[in-house]
Amino acid sequence: MFDFLEDYDLLGAFWTTVQLAVLSAVGSLIWGTLLAAVRVGPVPLMRGFGTAYVNTVRNIPLTVIILFTSLGLNQTLGVTLGADDFETINFRLAVLGLILYTSAFVCEALRSGINTVPVGQAEAARALGLSFNQVLGLVVLPQAFRSSVGPLANVLIALIKNTTVAAAIGVAEAALLMKEMIENEAQLLLISAVIAFGFVVLTLPTGLFLGWVGKKVAVKR
């Protein structure tokens, strides 16, 4: 019943999905943390930029952002992100699009964690002569990350599933392989079940592990 799978690189497609998810998660965590810092910062212009970015990006479909990176940045402006071949260019553009989109949700997850930190702690740190960056980096963000493990886990799981949108620009991940298999084989339900099982294998252990981590590092108030 599963003999037809031998003709397709199923593991390779899911490995591409994993690479997309990991690279996008790292980039989103970095950019999302910077956005969160900007949104709670003392400079009104920067706060306005952070608010506008988050509210705008969260209301744009991910497919539109991914297509923009390919049609807008690459084909119109000639952006290649240092790659030479078509597949690598599209892979890097997909990672960029996923980072731009997911970082908005990372920012809001972290901002919710920042709001759980008692205001008195930041005031005490400033009274000791610490700068805003020091207060944020040494006092606020460490506690915010601990409080935000659960929401960040949800964002990561959503990111893993959102990698399927990269198929729109030809990235050879699981969703693109599924499309090819359905076009070539008369096994719609079986193919869908195999791909769905693959994503369950990726997301379920991730959610359980991060849920356990969240309980371990939770800030006791």
N, C-alpha and C. Protein backbone atom coordinates (compact mmCIF):
# COMPACT_ATOMS: atom_id res chain seq x y z
N MET A 1 0.83 -1.22 0.00
CA MET A 1 0.00 0.00 0.00
C MET A 1 0.86 1.26 0.00
N PHE A 2 2.03 1.19 0.65
CA PHE A 2 2.91 2.35 0.73
C PHE A 2 4.08 2.26 -0.25
N ASP A 3 4.00 1.33 -1.19
CA ASP A 3 5.12 1.12 -2.11
C ASP A 3 5.44 2.37 -2.93
N PHE A 4 4.43 3.14 -3.27
CA PHE A 4 4.64 4.32 -4.12
C PHE A 4 5.50 5.37 -3.44
N LEU A 5 5.61 5.33 -2.11
CA LEU A 5 6.41 6.32 -1.39
C LEU A 5 7.90 6.18 -1.70
N GLU A 6 8.29 5.01 -2.17
CA GLU A 6 9.70 4.79 -2.49
C GLU A 6 10.17 5.67 -3.65
N ASP A 7 9.24 6.15 -4.44
CA ASP A 7 9.59 6.98 -5.60
C ASP A 7 9.76 8.45 -5.23
N TYR A 8 9.53 8.80 -3.97
CA TYR A 8 9.58 10.20 -3.55
C TYR A 8 10.50 10.36 -2.35
N ASP A 9 11.16 11.51 -2.29
CA ASP A 9 12.07 11.81 -1.18
C ASP A 9 11.30 12.44 -0.04
N LEU A 10 10.55 11.61 0.68
CA LEU A 10 9.70 12.11 1.75
C LEU A 10 10.53 12.68 2.90
N LEU A 11 11.57 11.95 3.30
CA LEU A 11 12.42 12.42 4.39
C LEU A 11 13.13 13.72 4.01
N GLY A 12 13.56 13.82 2.76
CA GLY A 12 14.23 15.04 2.31
C GLY A 12 13.30 16.23 2.36
N ALA A 13 12.03 16.03 1.99
CA ALA A 13 11.05 17.12 2.02
C ALA A 13 10.80 17.58 3.45
N PHE A 14 10.68 16.64 4.37
CA PHE A 14 10.46 17.03 5.77
C PHE A 14 11.72 17.62 6.39
N TRP A 15 12.89 17.20 5.92
CA TRP A 15 14.13 17.82 6.39
C TRP A 15 14.17 19.28 5.96
N THR A 16 13.71 19.58 4.75
CA THR A 16 13.63 20.97 4.31
C THR A 16 12.64 21.74 5.19
N THR A 17 11.53 21.11 5.55
CA THR A 17 10.56 21.74 6.44
C THR A 17 11.20 22.06 7.79
N VAL A 18 11.97 21.11 8.32
CA VAL A 18 12.65 21.33 9.60
C VAL A 18 13.64 22.49 9.50
N GLN A 19 14.41 22.53 8.41
CA GLN A 19 15.36 23.63 8.22
C GLN A 19 14.65 24.97 8.14
N LEU A 20 13.56 25.02 7.40
CA LEU A 20 12.78 26.25 7.31
C LEU A 20 12.31 26.69 8.70
N ALA A 21 11.79 25.73 9.47
CA ALA A 21 11.25 26.05 10.79
C ALA A 21 12.33 26.53 11.74
N VAL A 22 13.47 25.83 11.77
CA VAL A 22 14.53 26.17 12.72
C VAL A 22 15.13 27.54 12.40
N LEU A 23 15.50 27.76 11.14
CA LEU A 23 16.11 29.03 10.77
C LEU A 23 15.13 30.19 10.97
N SER A 24 13.87 29.96 10.61
CA SER A 24 12.87 31.02 10.78
C SER A 24 12.60 31.28 12.26
N ALA A 25 12.63 30.22 13.08
CA ALA A 25 12.38 30.39 14.51
C ALA A 25 13.48 31.22 15.15
N VAL A 26 14.74 30.94 14.80
CA VAL A 26 15.86 31.71 15.35
C VAL A 26 15.77 33.17 14.93
N GLY A 27 15.56 33.39 13.64
CA GLY A 27 15.45 34.76 13.14
C GLY A 27 14.27 35.50 13.73
N SER A 28 13.14 34.80 13.88
CA SER A 28 11.94 35.43 14.44
C SER A 28 12.13 35.78 15.91
N LEU A 29 12.84 34.92 16.64
CA LEU A 29 13.09 35.20 18.06
C LEU A 29 13.96 36.45 18.22
N ILE A 30 14.97 36.58 17.36
CA ILE A 30 15.85 37.75 17.44
C ILE A 30 15.09 39.03 17.07
N TRP A 31 14.44 39.01 15.91
CA TRP A 31 13.73 40.20 15.44
C TRP A 31 12.53 40.50 16.32
N GLY A 32 11.83 39.46 16.77
CA GLY A 32 10.67 39.67 17.64
C GLY A 32 11.07 40.26 18.98
N THR A 33 12.23 39.84 19.51
CA THR A 33 12.72 40.40 20.78
C THR A 33 13.05 41.88 20.61
N LEU A 34 13.70 42.23 19.50
CA LEU A 34 14.00 43.64 19.23
C LEU A 34 12.72 44.46 19.09
N LEU A 35 11.72 43.90 18.43
CA LEU A 35 10.44 44.61 18.29
C LEU A 35 9.78 44.81 19.65
N ALA A 36 9.84 43.79 20.50
CA ALA A 36 9.25 43.92 21.84
C ALA A 36 9.96 45.00 22.64
N ALA A 37 11.30 45.04 22.51
CA ALA A 37 12.06 46.08 23.21
C ALA A 37 11.69 47.46 22.71
N VAL A 38 11.48 47.56 21.40
CA VAL A 38 11.10 48.85 20.81
C VAL A 38 9.71 49.27 21.29
N ARG A 39 8.81 48.31 21.38
CA ARG A 39 7.43 48.63 21.75
C ARG A 39 7.28 49.09 23.19
N VAL A 40 8.22 48.70 24.06
CA VAL A 40 8.14 49.15 25.46
C VAL A 40 9.21 50.19 25.75
N GLY A 41 9.90 50.65 24.73
CA GLY A 41 10.98 51.61 24.91
C GLY A 41 10.48 53.01 25.21
N PRO A 42 11.41 53.91 25.57
CA PRO A 42 11.04 55.27 25.97
C PRO A 42 10.90 56.25 24.80
N VAL A 43 11.25 55.82 23.58
CA VAL A 43 11.23 56.74 22.43
C VAL A 43 9.90 56.58 21.69
N PRO A 44 9.06 57.63 21.65
CA PRO A 44 7.74 57.52 21.02
C PRO A 44 7.80 57.10 19.55
N LEU A 45 8.78 57.61 18.81
CA LEU A 45 8.89 57.26 17.39
C LEU A 45 9.14 55.77 17.20
N MET A 46 10.03 55.23 18.03
CA MET A 46 10.33 53.80 17.94
C MET A 46 9.13 52.95 18.37
N ARG A 47 8.44 53.41 19.41
CA ARG A 47 7.22 52.68 19.83
C ARG A 47 6.19 52.69 18.72
N GLY A 48 6.08 53.82 18.04
CA GLY A 48 5.13 53.91 16.92
C GLY A 48 5.51 52.96 15.79
N PHE A 49 6.81 52.87 15.51
CA PHE A 49 7.26 51.95 14.46
C PHE A 49 6.93 50.51 14.83
N GLY A 50 7.24 50.12 16.09
CA GLY A 50 6.96 48.76 16.53
C GLY A 50 5.49 48.42 16.47
N THR A 51 4.66 49.35 16.92
CA THR A 51 3.21 49.13 16.90
C THR A 51 2.69 49.01 15.47
N ALA A 52 3.15 49.90 14.60
CA ALA A 52 2.70 49.87 13.21
C ALA A 52 3.14 48.58 12.52
N TYR A 53 4.38 48.17 12.78
CA TYR A 53 4.89 46.94 12.16
C TYR A 53 4.05 45.73 12.58
N VAL A 54 3.87 45.57 13.89
CA VAL A 54 3.15 44.41 14.40
C VAL A 54 1.72 44.38 13.90
N ASN A 55 1.03 45.50 14.01
CA ASN A 55 -0.38 45.55 13.59
C ASN A 55 -0.54 45.35 12.09
N THR A 56 0.42 45.84 11.32
CA THR A 56 0.33 45.68 9.87
C THR A 56 0.62 44.24 9.45
N VAL A 57 1.74 43.71 9.92
CA VAL A 57 2.16 42.37 9.49
C VAL A 57 1.18 41.30 9.95
N ARG A 58 0.66 41.43 11.15
CA ARG A 58 -0.27 40.41 11.66
C ARG A 58 -1.56 40.35 10.85
N ASN A 59 -1.88 41.41 10.13
CA ASN A 59 -3.12 41.45 9.35
C ASN A 59 -2.89 41.23 7.86
N ILE A 60 -1.68 40.85 7.48
CA ILE A 60 -1.39 40.49 6.09
C ILE A 60 -1.26 38.97 6.02
N PRO A 61 -1.94 38.32 5.08
CA PRO A 61 -1.80 36.86 4.95
C PRO A 61 -0.34 36.47 4.68
N LEU A 62 0.09 35.38 5.27
CA LEU A 62 1.47 34.93 5.08
C LEU A 62 1.77 34.65 3.61
N THR A 63 0.79 34.13 2.89
CA THR A 63 1.01 33.85 1.46
C THR A 63 1.40 35.11 0.71
N VAL A 64 0.76 36.23 1.05
CA VAL A 64 1.09 37.50 0.39
C VAL A 64 2.53 37.90 0.69
N ILE A 65 2.96 37.73 1.93
CA ILE A 65 4.33 38.09 2.30
C ILE A 65 5.34 37.20 1.59
N ILE A 66 5.08 35.89 1.54
CA ILE A 66 5.99 34.98 0.86
C ILE A 66 6.07 35.30 -0.62
N LEU A 67 4.95 35.57 -1.26
CA LEU A 67 4.95 35.91 -2.69
C LEU A 67 5.66 37.24 -2.92
N PHE A 68 5.53 38.17 -1.97
CA PHE A 68 6.22 39.45 -2.11
C PHE A 68 7.72 39.27 -2.09
N THR A 69 8.22 38.38 -1.23
CA THR A 69 9.66 38.17 -1.18
C THR A 69 10.18 37.62 -2.50
N SER A 70 9.36 36.79 -3.18
CA SER A 70 9.79 36.22 -4.45
C SER A 70 9.56 37.17 -5.61
N LEU A 71 8.34 37.64 -5.77
CA LEU A 71 8.00 38.49 -6.91
C LEU A 71 8.52 39.92 -6.72
N GLY A 72 8.45 40.42 -5.49
CA GLY A 72 8.87 41.80 -5.25
C GLY A 72 10.36 41.95 -5.06
N LEU A 73 10.89 41.24 -4.07
CA LEU A 73 12.31 41.41 -3.75
C LEU A 73 13.22 40.77 -4.80
N ASN A 74 12.91 39.54 -5.19
CA ASN A 74 13.80 38.82 -6.10
C ASN A 74 13.60 39.21 -7.56
N GLN A 75 12.41 39.02 -8.07
CA GLN A 75 12.19 39.22 -9.51
C GLN A 75 12.15 40.69 -9.90
N THR A 76 11.68 41.55 -9.00
CA THR A 76 11.60 42.98 -9.34
C THR A 76 12.86 43.74 -8.94
N LEU A 77 13.33 43.53 -7.73
CA LEU A 77 14.48 44.28 -7.22
C LEU A 77 15.80 43.52 -7.36
N GLY A 78 15.74 42.24 -7.71
CA GLY A 78 16.96 41.47 -7.91
C GLY A 78 17.65 41.03 -6.64
N VAL A 79 16.93 40.97 -5.52
CA VAL A 79 17.51 40.53 -4.26
C VAL A 79 17.71 39.02 -4.30
N THR A 80 18.94 38.55 -4.03
CA THR A 80 19.24 37.12 -4.06
C THR A 80 19.70 36.59 -2.71
N LEU A 81 19.95 37.46 -1.74
CA LEU A 81 20.41 37.07 -0.40
C LEU A 81 21.68 36.24 -0.46
N GLY A 82 22.54 36.57 -1.41
CA GLY A 82 23.84 35.92 -1.51
C GLY A 82 23.84 34.55 -2.15
N ALA A 83 22.72 34.11 -2.70
CA ALA A 83 22.64 32.79 -3.34
C ALA A 83 22.74 32.92 -4.85
N ASP A 84 23.11 31.82 -5.49
CA ASP A 84 23.27 31.81 -6.95
C ASP A 84 22.21 30.99 -7.66
N ASP A 85 21.84 29.85 -7.09
CA ASP A 85 20.89 28.98 -7.77
C ASP A 85 19.46 29.27 -7.33
N PHE A 86 18.52 28.90 -8.16
CA PHE A 86 17.10 29.21 -7.97
C PHE A 86 16.56 28.63 -6.67
N GLU A 87 16.89 27.37 -6.38
CA GLU A 87 16.35 26.71 -5.19
C GLU A 87 16.82 27.37 -3.90
N THR A 88 18.11 27.71 -3.84
CA THR A 88 18.64 28.34 -2.63
C THR A 88 18.06 29.73 -2.43
N ILE A 89 17.92 30.47 -3.52
CA ILE A 89 17.33 31.81 -3.44
C ILE A 89 15.92 31.73 -2.86
N ASN A 90 15.10 30.83 -3.41
CA ASN A 90 13.72 30.71 -2.92
C ASN A 90 13.66 30.23 -1.48
N PHE A 91 14.58 29.34 -1.10
CA PHE A 91 14.62 28.87 0.28
C PHE A 91 14.92 30.04 1.23
N ARG A 92 15.91 30.84 0.89
CA ARG A 92 16.28 31.96 1.75
C ARG A 92 15.20 33.03 1.77
N LEU A 93 14.55 33.24 0.65
CA LEU A 93 13.44 34.21 0.62
C LEU A 93 12.28 33.72 1.46
N ALA A 94 12.03 32.41 1.44
CA ALA A 94 10.95 31.85 2.27
C ALA A 94 11.28 32.03 3.75
N VAL A 95 12.53 31.80 4.13
CA VAL A 95 12.95 32.02 5.52
C VAL A 95 12.74 33.48 5.91
N LEU A 96 13.13 34.39 5.01
CA LEU A 96 12.95 35.83 5.29
C LEU A 96 11.48 36.16 5.48
N GLY A 97 10.62 35.65 4.60
CA GLY A 97 9.19 35.93 4.72
C GLY A 97 8.61 35.37 6.02
N LEU A 98 9.01 34.17 6.38
CA LEU A 98 8.53 33.58 7.63
C LEU A 98 9.01 34.37 8.84
N ILE A 99 10.25 34.87 8.78
CA ILE A 99 10.77 35.69 9.88
C ILE A 99 9.97 36.98 10.01
N LEU A 100 9.76 37.66 8.89
CA LEU A 100 9.03 38.93 8.92
C LEU A 100 7.63 38.75 9.51
N TYR A 101 7.00 37.63 9.18
CA TYR A 101 5.63 37.37 9.64
C TYR A 101 5.61 36.90 11.10
N THR A 102 6.40 35.89 11.41
CA THR A 102 6.34 35.26 12.72
C THR A 102 6.86 36.17 13.83
N SER A 103 7.81 37.04 13.51
CA SER A 103 8.38 37.92 14.53
C SER A 103 7.32 38.84 15.15
N ALA A 104 6.28 39.17 14.40
CA ALA A 104 5.22 40.00 14.96
C ALA A 104 4.50 39.27 16.09
N PHE A 105 4.31 37.97 15.94
CA PHE A 105 3.65 37.17 16.97
C PHE A 105 4.60 36.90 18.14
N VAL A 106 5.88 36.73 17.85
CA VAL A 106 6.87 36.58 18.90
C VAL A 106 6.90 37.85 19.75
N CYS A 107 6.86 38.99 19.10
CA CYS A 107 6.86 40.27 19.80
C CYS A 107 5.70 40.37 20.78
N GLU A 108 4.52 40.01 20.34
CA GLU A 108 3.35 40.11 21.22
C GLU A 108 3.40 39.10 22.35
N ALA A 109 3.94 37.90 22.07
CA ALA A 109 4.09 36.91 23.14
C ALA A 109 5.06 37.41 24.20
N LEU A 110 6.17 38.01 23.77
CA LEU A 110 7.14 38.55 24.72
C LEU A 110 6.59 39.76 25.46
N ARG A 111 5.84 40.58 24.76
CA ARG A 111 5.28 41.77 25.41
C ARG A 111 4.30 41.37 26.51
N SER A 112 3.57 40.27 26.28
CA SER A 112 2.68 39.78 27.33
C SER A 112 3.50 39.31 28.53
N GLY A 113 4.68 38.72 28.26
CA GLY A 113 5.56 38.32 29.35
C GLY A 113 6.13 39.52 30.09
N ILE A 114 6.48 40.56 29.34
CA ILE A 114 7.01 41.78 29.95
C ILE A 114 5.98 42.40 30.90
N ASN A 115 4.72 42.33 30.50
CA ASN A 115 3.66 42.91 31.33
C ASN A 115 3.46 42.17 32.65
N THR A 116 3.99 40.94 32.74
CA THR A 116 3.85 40.20 34.00
C THR A 116 4.94 40.57 35.01
N VAL A 117 5.97 41.28 34.57
CA VAL A 117 7.05 41.68 35.46
C VAL A 117 6.59 42.88 36.29
N PRO A 118 6.64 42.80 37.60
CA PRO A 118 6.19 43.92 38.44
C PRO A 118 6.93 45.22 38.09
N VAL A 119 6.17 46.28 38.01
CA VAL A 119 6.76 47.58 37.66
C VAL A 119 7.80 48.00 38.68
N GLY A 120 7.60 47.62 39.93
CA GLY A 120 8.53 48.01 40.98
C GLY A 120 9.94 47.50 40.74
N GLN A 121 10.09 46.36 40.08
CA GLN A 121 11.43 45.83 39.81
C GLN A 121 12.19 46.73 38.85
N ALA A 122 11.51 47.18 37.80
CA ALA A 122 12.15 48.08 36.84
C ALA A 122 12.48 49.42 37.50
N GLU A 123 11.57 49.90 38.34
CA GLU A 123 11.82 51.18 39.02
C GLU A 123 13.00 51.06 39.97
N ALA A 124 13.10 49.93 40.65
CA ALA A 124 14.22 49.73 41.57
C ALA A 124 15.54 49.66 40.80
N ALA A 125 15.50 49.01 39.64
CA ALA A 125 16.71 48.91 38.82
C ALA A 125 17.14 50.29 38.32
N ARG A 126 16.18 51.11 37.91
CA ARG A 126 16.51 52.47 37.46
C ARG A 126 17.03 53.31 38.62
N ALA A 127 16.50 53.09 39.82
CA ALA A 127 16.96 53.83 41.00
C ALA A 127 18.41 53.50 41.33
N LEU A 128 18.85 52.31 40.92
CA LEU A 128 20.23 51.91 41.14
C LEU A 128 21.17 52.50 40.09
N GLY A 129 20.61 53.20 39.10
CA GLY A 129 21.42 53.84 38.08
C GLY A 129 21.56 53.05 36.79
N LEU A 130 20.80 51.96 36.63
CA LEU A 130 20.88 51.17 35.40
C LEU A 130 20.17 51.90 34.26
N SER A 131 20.71 51.77 33.05
CA SER A 131 20.09 52.38 31.88
C SER A 131 18.89 51.55 31.44
N PHE A 132 18.13 52.08 30.47
CA PHE A 132 16.96 51.33 29.98
C PHE A 132 17.37 49.99 29.42
N ASN A 133 18.44 49.98 28.62
CA ASN A 133 18.89 48.72 28.02
C ASN A 133 19.31 47.71 29.09
N GLN A 134 19.97 48.18 30.13
CA GLN A 134 20.39 47.29 31.21
C GLN A 134 19.18 46.75 31.98
N VAL A 135 18.23 47.62 32.25
CA VAL A 135 17.01 47.18 32.94
C VAL A 135 16.29 46.12 32.12
N LEU A 136 16.19 46.38 30.82
CA LEU A 136 15.48 45.44 29.94
C LEU A 136 16.23 44.11 29.83
N GLY A 137 17.54 44.20 29.62
CA GLY A 137 18.32 42.99 29.39
C GLY A 137 18.61 42.17 30.64
N LEU A 138 18.76 42.84 31.79
CA LEU A 138 19.15 42.14 33.01
C LEU A 138 17.99 41.81 33.94
N VAL A 139 16.94 42.61 33.88
CA VAL A 139 15.84 42.44 34.83
C VAL A 139 14.55 41.97 34.16
N VAL A 140 14.15 42.67 33.12
CA VAL A 140 12.81 42.44 32.55
C VAL A 140 12.77 41.24 31.61
N LEU A 141 13.63 41.23 30.58
CA LEU A 141 13.55 40.17 29.56
C LEU A 141 13.77 38.76 30.11
N PRO A 142 14.73 38.54 31.02
CA PRO A 142 14.88 37.18 31.55
C PRO A 142 13.59 36.64 32.17
N GLN A 143 12.88 37.48 32.92
CA GLN A 143 11.61 37.05 33.50
C GLN A 143 10.53 36.94 32.44
N ALA A 144 10.57 37.84 31.46
CA ALA A 144 9.56 37.81 30.40
C ALA A 144 9.66 36.53 29.58
N PHE A 145 10.89 36.10 29.28
CA PHE A 145 11.07 34.86 28.52
C PHE A 145 10.52 33.67 29.31
N ARG A 146 10.77 33.65 30.60
CA ARG A 146 10.30 32.54 31.42
C ARG A 146 8.77 32.50 31.46
N SER A 147 8.15 33.66 31.45
CA SER A 147 6.69 33.73 31.47
C SER A 147 6.07 33.47 30.11
N SER A 148 6.87 33.57 29.06
CA SER A 148 6.34 33.50 27.71
C SER A 148 6.61 32.18 27.00
N VAL A 149 7.14 31.18 27.71
CA VAL A 149 7.48 29.92 27.06
C VAL A 149 6.25 29.29 26.42
N GLY A 150 5.12 29.30 27.13
CA GLY A 150 3.89 28.72 26.59
C GLY A 150 3.43 29.41 25.31
N PRO A 151 3.24 30.74 25.33
CA PRO A 151 2.87 31.44 24.10
C PRO A 151 3.88 31.28 22.98
N LEU A 152 5.18 31.30 23.31
CA LEU A 152 6.20 31.12 22.28
C LEU A 152 6.15 29.72 21.69
N ALA A 153 5.79 28.72 22.50
CA ALA A 153 5.63 27.36 22.00
C ALA A 153 4.50 27.31 20.97
N ASN A 154 3.41 28.01 21.25
CA ASN A 154 2.30 28.05 20.29
C ASN A 154 2.72 28.72 18.99
N VAL A 155 3.54 29.77 19.10
CA VAL A 155 4.03 30.46 17.90
C VAL A 155 4.92 29.52 17.09
N LEU A 156 5.77 28.75 17.77
CA LEU A 156 6.67 27.83 17.08
C LEU A 156 5.89 26.74 16.36
N ILE A 157 4.88 26.19 17.01
CA ILE A 157 4.05 25.16 16.38
C ILE A 157 3.34 25.72 15.15
N ALA A 158 2.83 26.95 15.29
CA ALA A 158 2.19 27.59 14.13
C ALA A 158 3.20 27.82 13.01
N LEU A 159 4.43 28.16 13.38
CA LEU A 159 5.48 28.38 12.37
C LEU A 159 5.78 27.09 11.61
N ILE A 160 5.86 25.97 12.31
CA ILE A 160 6.14 24.69 11.65
C ILE A 160 5.05 24.41 10.61
N LYS A 161 3.81 24.66 10.97
CA LYS A 161 2.72 24.43 10.01
C LYS A 161 2.72 25.47 8.90
N ASN A 162 3.14 26.69 9.22
CA ASN A 162 3.15 27.75 8.21
C ASN A 162 4.23 27.55 7.15
N THR A 163 5.21 26.67 7.41
CA THR A 163 6.25 26.43 6.40
C THR A 163 5.66 25.88 5.11
N THR A 164 4.45 25.33 5.17
CA THR A 164 3.82 24.79 3.97
C THR A 164 3.56 25.88 2.93
N VAL A 165 3.47 27.13 3.39
CA VAL A 165 3.22 28.24 2.46
C VAL A 165 4.42 28.45 1.54
N ALA A 166 5.60 28.01 1.96
CA ALA A 166 6.79 28.16 1.13
C ALA A 166 6.67 27.43 -0.20
N ALA A 167 5.75 26.47 -0.27
CA ALA A 167 5.51 25.75 -1.54
C ALA A 167 5.04 26.71 -2.63
N ALA A 168 4.46 27.85 -2.23
CA ALA A 168 3.95 28.80 -3.21
C ALA A 168 5.04 29.39 -4.09
N ILE A 169 6.30 29.39 -3.59
CA ILE A 169 7.40 29.90 -4.40
C ILE A 169 8.39 28.78 -4.77
N GLY A 170 7.92 27.55 -4.70
CA GLY A 170 8.71 26.44 -5.22
C GLY A 170 9.73 25.84 -4.28
N VAL A 171 9.64 26.11 -2.98
CA VAL A 171 10.56 25.49 -2.03
C VAL A 171 10.15 24.02 -1.84
N ALA A 172 11.11 23.12 -1.98
CA ALA A 172 10.81 21.68 -2.01
C ALA A 172 10.60 21.12 -0.61
N GLU A 173 9.57 21.60 0.08
CA GLU A 173 9.27 21.07 1.41
C GLU A 173 8.08 20.12 1.32
N ALA A 174 7.53 19.74 2.46
CA ALA A 174 6.54 18.67 2.51
C ALA A 174 5.28 18.98 1.70
N ALA A 175 4.80 20.22 1.76
CA ALA A 175 3.57 20.56 1.06
C ALA A 175 3.74 20.48 -0.45
N LEU A 176 4.89 20.91 -0.95
CA LEU A 176 5.14 20.83 -2.39
C LEU A 176 5.23 19.38 -2.84
N LEU A 177 5.87 18.54 -2.03
CA LEU A 177 5.94 17.12 -2.36
C LEU A 177 4.55 16.50 -2.34
N MET A 178 3.73 16.89 -1.38
CA MET A 178 2.36 16.38 -1.31
C MET A 178 1.60 16.73 -2.58
N LYS A 179 1.75 17.95 -3.06
CA LYS A 179 1.08 18.37 -4.30
C LYS A 179 1.54 17.51 -5.48
N GLU A 180 2.84 17.27 -5.56
CA GLU A 180 3.38 16.44 -6.64
C GLU A 180 2.88 15.01 -6.55
N MET A 181 2.84 14.47 -5.34
CA MET A 181 2.38 13.10 -5.16
C MET A 181 0.90 12.95 -5.53
N ILE A 182 0.09 13.92 -5.14
CA ILE A 182 -1.34 13.86 -5.46
C ILE A 182 -1.57 13.94 -6.96
N GLU A 183 -0.74 14.74 -7.65
CA GLU A 183 -0.87 14.86 -9.11
C GLU A 183 -0.48 13.57 -9.82
N ASN A 184 0.44 12.81 -9.23
CA ASN A 184 0.97 11.62 -9.90
C ASN A 184 0.34 10.31 -9.43
N GLU A 185 -0.24 10.30 -8.24
CA GLU A 185 -0.77 9.06 -7.67
C GLU A 185 -2.26 9.20 -7.36
N ALA A 186 -2.97 8.09 -7.46
CA ALA A 186 -4.40 8.06 -7.14
C ALA A 186 -4.59 7.60 -5.70
N GLN A 187 -3.91 8.31 -4.79
CA GLN A 187 -3.93 7.92 -3.38
C GLN A 187 -4.12 9.16 -2.50
N LEU A 188 -5.17 9.92 -2.77
CA LEU A 188 -5.36 11.20 -2.10
C LEU A 188 -5.40 11.06 -0.57
N LEU A 189 -6.26 10.18 -0.08
CA LEU A 189 -6.42 10.04 1.37
C LEU A 189 -5.15 9.52 2.02
N LEU A 190 -4.51 8.56 1.38
CA LEU A 190 -3.30 7.97 1.95
C LEU A 190 -2.16 8.99 2.00
N ILE A 191 -2.01 9.75 0.91
CA ILE A 191 -0.95 10.76 0.85
C ILE A 191 -1.20 11.84 1.91
N SER A 192 -2.45 12.28 2.01
CA SER A 192 -2.79 13.30 3.01
C SER A 192 -2.51 12.79 4.42
N ALA A 193 -2.82 11.51 4.66
CA ALA A 193 -2.59 10.94 5.99
C ALA A 193 -1.09 10.87 6.30
N VAL A 194 -0.28 10.51 5.32
CA VAL A 194 1.17 10.41 5.53
C VAL A 194 1.76 11.78 5.85
N ILE A 195 1.38 12.80 5.08
CA ILE A 195 1.91 14.15 5.30
C ILE A 195 1.42 14.69 6.65
N ALA A 196 0.15 14.45 6.95
CA ALA A 196 -0.39 14.91 8.23
C ALA A 196 0.34 14.25 9.39
N PHE A 197 0.61 12.95 9.26
CA PHE A 197 1.33 12.23 10.32
C PHE A 197 2.73 12.82 10.49
N GLY A 198 3.38 13.17 9.39
CA GLY A 198 4.70 13.78 9.47
C GLY A 198 4.69 15.07 10.26
N PHE A 199 3.66 15.89 10.05
CA PHE A 199 3.59 17.15 10.79
C PHE A 199 3.24 16.92 12.26
N VAL A 200 2.44 15.89 12.54
CA VAL A 200 2.14 15.55 13.93
C VAL A 200 3.43 15.13 14.65
N VAL A 201 4.27 14.37 13.96
CA VAL A 201 5.55 13.95 14.54
C VAL A 201 6.43 15.15 14.86
N LEU A 202 6.34 16.20 14.04
CA LEU A 202 7.15 17.39 14.27
C LEU A 202 6.58 18.27 15.37
N THR A 203 5.27 18.44 15.38
CA THR A 203 4.66 19.44 16.27
C THR A 203 4.31 18.90 17.65
N LEU A 204 3.82 17.67 17.73
CA LEU A 204 3.36 17.16 19.03
C LEU A 204 4.50 17.04 20.04
N PRO A 205 5.63 16.40 19.73
CA PRO A 205 6.72 16.36 20.71
C PRO A 205 7.25 17.75 21.06
N THR A 206 7.27 18.64 20.07
CA THR A 206 7.73 20.01 20.33
C THR A 206 6.83 20.70 21.34
N GLY A 207 5.51 20.57 21.15
CA GLY A 207 4.58 21.19 22.08
C GLY A 207 4.67 20.60 23.48
N LEU A 208 4.80 19.28 23.57
CA LEU A 208 4.90 18.63 24.87
C LEU A 208 6.19 19.03 25.59
N PHE A 209 7.29 19.06 24.85
CA PHE A 209 8.57 19.42 25.46
C PHE A 209 8.57 20.87 25.95
N LEU A 210 8.11 21.79 25.11
CA LEU A 210 8.10 23.19 25.51
C LEU A 210 7.09 23.45 26.63
N GLY A 211 6.00 22.68 26.65
CA GLY A 211 5.06 22.79 27.77
C GLY A 211 5.72 22.37 29.08
N TRP A 212 6.53 21.32 29.03
CA TRP A 212 7.26 20.87 30.21
C TRP A 212 8.28 21.92 30.64
N VAL A 213 8.99 22.50 29.65
CA VAL A 213 9.97 23.54 29.95
C VAL A 213 9.28 24.74 30.59
N GLY A 214 8.12 25.11 30.04
CA GLY A 214 7.39 26.25 30.57
C GLY A 214 7.03 26.08 32.04
N LYS A 215 6.65 24.87 32.43
CA LYS A 215 6.31 24.61 33.83
C LYS A 215 7.56 24.65 34.71
N LYS A 216 8.68 24.21 34.17
CA LYS A 216 9.91 24.17 34.95
C LYS A 216 10.48 25.57 35.22
N VAL A 217 10.34 26.45 34.23
CA VAL A 217 10.98 27.77 34.36
C VAL A 217 9.99 28.85 34.75
N ALA A 218 8.74 28.49 34.99
CA ALA A 218 7.73 29.50 35.32
C ALA A 218 8.16 30.32 36.52
N VAL A 219 7.91 31.61 36.44
CA VAL A 219 8.26 32.53 37.54
C VAL A 219 7.23 32.39 38.65
N LYS A 220 7.68 32.10 39.85
CA LYS A 220 6.77 31.97 40.99
C LYS A 220 6.50 33.36 41.59
N ARG A 221 5.25 33.75 41.57
CA ARG A 221 4.90 35.06 42.09
C ARG A 221 4.34 34.93 43.50
